[in-house]
Amino acid sequence: MRRHAVSSSTIASIGYAREEHLLEIEFRNGSVYRYRLVPESVHRELMAAESQGRFFNRKIRDVYPTEQVD
């Protein structure tokens, strides 16, 4: 999945696979996580958020099934 760099103090890049509803986030510490069942609208809101880290903490973290990518 192709990720796009973002300007965030906690998130380095974000990718989204529309057909699979799969969100992939690379954090500044180098860890990468995939979030399943994420609606496209949530991805759009994340990309447009003034603070992507804050949006992630409120709307994505602990909401969607998650797996760490090696």
C-alpha atoms as a PDB file:
ATOM      1  CA  MET A   1       0.000   0.000   0.000  1.00  0.00           C
ATOM      2  CA  ARG A   2       1.309   3.416  -0.906  1.00  0.00           C
ATOM      3  CA  ARG A   3       1.489   5.851   1.989  1.00  0.00           C
ATOM      4  CA  HIS A   4       1.666   9.630   1.764  1.00  0.00           C
ATOM      5  CA  ALA A   5       3.825  11.744   4.061  1.00  0.00           C
ATOM      6  CA  VAL A   6       1.926  14.080   6.375  1.00  0.00           C
ATOM      7  CA  SER A   7       2.873  17.029   8.590  1.00  0.00           C
ATOM      8  CA  SER A   8       2.265  15.658  12.062  1.00  0.00           C
ATOM      9  CA  SER A   9       4.377  15.392  15.185  1.00  0.00           C
ATOM     10  CA  THR A  10       3.266  11.775  15.744  1.00  0.00           C
ATOM     11  CA  ILE A  11       2.333  10.419  12.295  1.00  0.00           C
ATOM     12  CA  ALA A  12       4.858  10.137   9.453  1.00  0.00           C
ATOM     13  CA  SER A  13       2.657   8.778   6.666  1.00  0.00           C
ATOM     14  CA  ILE A  14      -0.850   7.494   5.927  1.00  0.00           C
ATOM     15  CA  GLY A  15      -2.134   5.057   3.319  1.00  0.00           C
ATOM     16  CA  TYR A  16      -5.605   3.778   2.501  1.00  0.00           C
ATOM     17  CA  ALA A  17      -6.890   0.853   0.438  1.00  0.00           C
ATOM     18  CA  ARG A  18     -10.432   1.795  -0.553  1.00  0.00           C
ATOM     19  CA  GLU A  19     -11.631  -1.656  -1.636  1.00  0.00           C
ATOM     20  CA  GLU A  20     -10.439  -3.312   1.591  1.00  0.00           C
ATOM     21  CA  HIS A  21     -11.323  -0.384   3.908  1.00  0.00           C
ATOM     22  CA  LEU A  22      -7.787  -0.698   5.244  1.00  0.00           C
ATOM     23  CA  LEU A  23      -5.956   2.248   6.788  1.00  0.00           C
ATOM     24  CA  GLU A  24      -2.201   2.059   7.290  1.00  0.00           C
ATOM     25  CA  ILE A  25      -0.369   4.526   9.510  1.00  0.00           C
ATOM     26  CA  GLU A  26       3.369   4.886   9.977  1.00  0.00           C
ATOM     27  CA  PHE A  27       4.253   6.684  13.188  1.00  0.00           C
ATOM     28  CA  ARG A  28       7.290   8.881  13.721  1.00  0.00           C
ATOM     29  CA  ASN A  29       8.858   6.203  15.931  1.00  0.00           C
ATOM     30  CA  GLY A  30       8.956   3.876  12.888  1.00  0.00           C
ATOM     31  CA  SER A  31       6.118   1.537  13.853  1.00  0.00           C
ATOM     32  CA  VAL A  32       3.430   0.794  11.259  1.00  0.00           C
ATOM     33  CA  TYR A  33      -0.128  -0.251  12.073  1.00  0.00           C
ATOM     34  CA  ARG A  34      -3.058  -1.342   9.914  1.00  0.00           C
ATOM     35  CA  TYR A  35      -6.619  -0.544  10.896  1.00  0.00           C
ATOM     36  CA  ARG A  36      -9.369  -2.653   9.321  1.00  0.00           C
ATOM     37  CA  LEU A  37     -12.979  -1.739   8.485  1.00  0.00           C
ATOM     38  CA  VAL A  38     -12.201   1.993   8.322  1.00  0.00           C
ATOM     39  CA  PRO A  39     -14.748   3.859   6.167  1.00  0.00           C
ATOM     40  CA  GLU A  40     -13.403   6.044   3.380  1.00  0.00           C
ATOM     41  CA  SER A  41     -15.046   9.053   5.040  1.00  0.00           C
ATOM     42  CA  VAL A  42     -12.892   8.553   8.156  1.00  0.00           C
ATOM     43  CA  HIS A  43      -9.764   8.449   5.987  1.00  0.00           C
ATOM     44  CA  ARG A  44     -10.801  11.684   4.258  1.00  0.00           C
ATOM     45  CA  GLU A  45     -11.466  13.362   7.613  1.00  0.00           C
ATOM     46  CA  LEU A  46      -8.091  12.179   8.925  1.00  0.00           C
ATOM     47  CA  MET A  47      -6.262  13.600   5.922  1.00  0.00           C
ATOM     48  CA  ALA A  48      -8.106  16.933   6.251  1.00  0.00           C
ATOM     49  CA  ALA A  49      -7.801  17.224  10.042  1.00  0.00           C
ATOM     50  CA  GLU A  50      -5.993  20.212  11.495  1.00  0.00           C
ATOM     51  CA  SER A  51      -4.253  17.796  13.884  1.00  0.00           C
ATOM     52  CA  GLN A  52      -4.001  14.300  12.464  1.00  0.00           C
ATOM     53  CA  GLY A  53      -2.566  12.957  15.717  1.00  0.00           C
ATOM     54  CA  ARG A  54      -5.500  14.280  17.722  1.00  0.00           C
ATOM     55  CA  PHE A  55      -8.007  12.990  15.147  1.00  0.00           C
ATOM     56  CA  PHE A  56      -6.327   9.574  15.264  1.00  0.00           C
ATOM     57  CA  ASN A  57      -6.547   9.442  19.049  1.00  0.00           C
ATOM     58  CA  ARG A  58     -10.230  10.415  19.096  1.00  0.00           C
ATOM     59  CA  LYS A  59     -11.648   8.619  16.044  1.00  0.00           C
ATOM     60  CA  ILE A  60      -9.384   5.696  15.099  1.00  0.00           C
ATOM     61  CA  ARG A  61      -7.263   4.446  17.995  1.00  0.00           C
ATOM     62  CA  ASP A  62      -9.058   1.735  20.001  1.00  0.00           C
ATOM     63  CA  VAL A  63     -12.036   1.938  17.590  1.00  0.00           C
ATOM     64  CA  TYR A  64     -11.026  -0.270  14.656  1.00  0.00           C
ATOM     65  CA  PRO A  65      -9.424  -3.741  14.599  1.00  0.00           C
ATOM     66  CA  THR A  66      -5.659  -3.221  14.553  1.00  0.00           C
ATOM     67  CA  GLU A  67      -2.520  -5.147  13.667  1.00  0.00           C
ATOM     68  CA  GLN A  68       1.104  -4.097  13.761  1.00  0.00           C
ATOM     69  CA  VAL A  69       3.031  -4.505  10.507  1.00  0.00           C
ATOM     70  CA  ASP A  70       6.552  -5.930  10.733  1.00  0.00           C
END
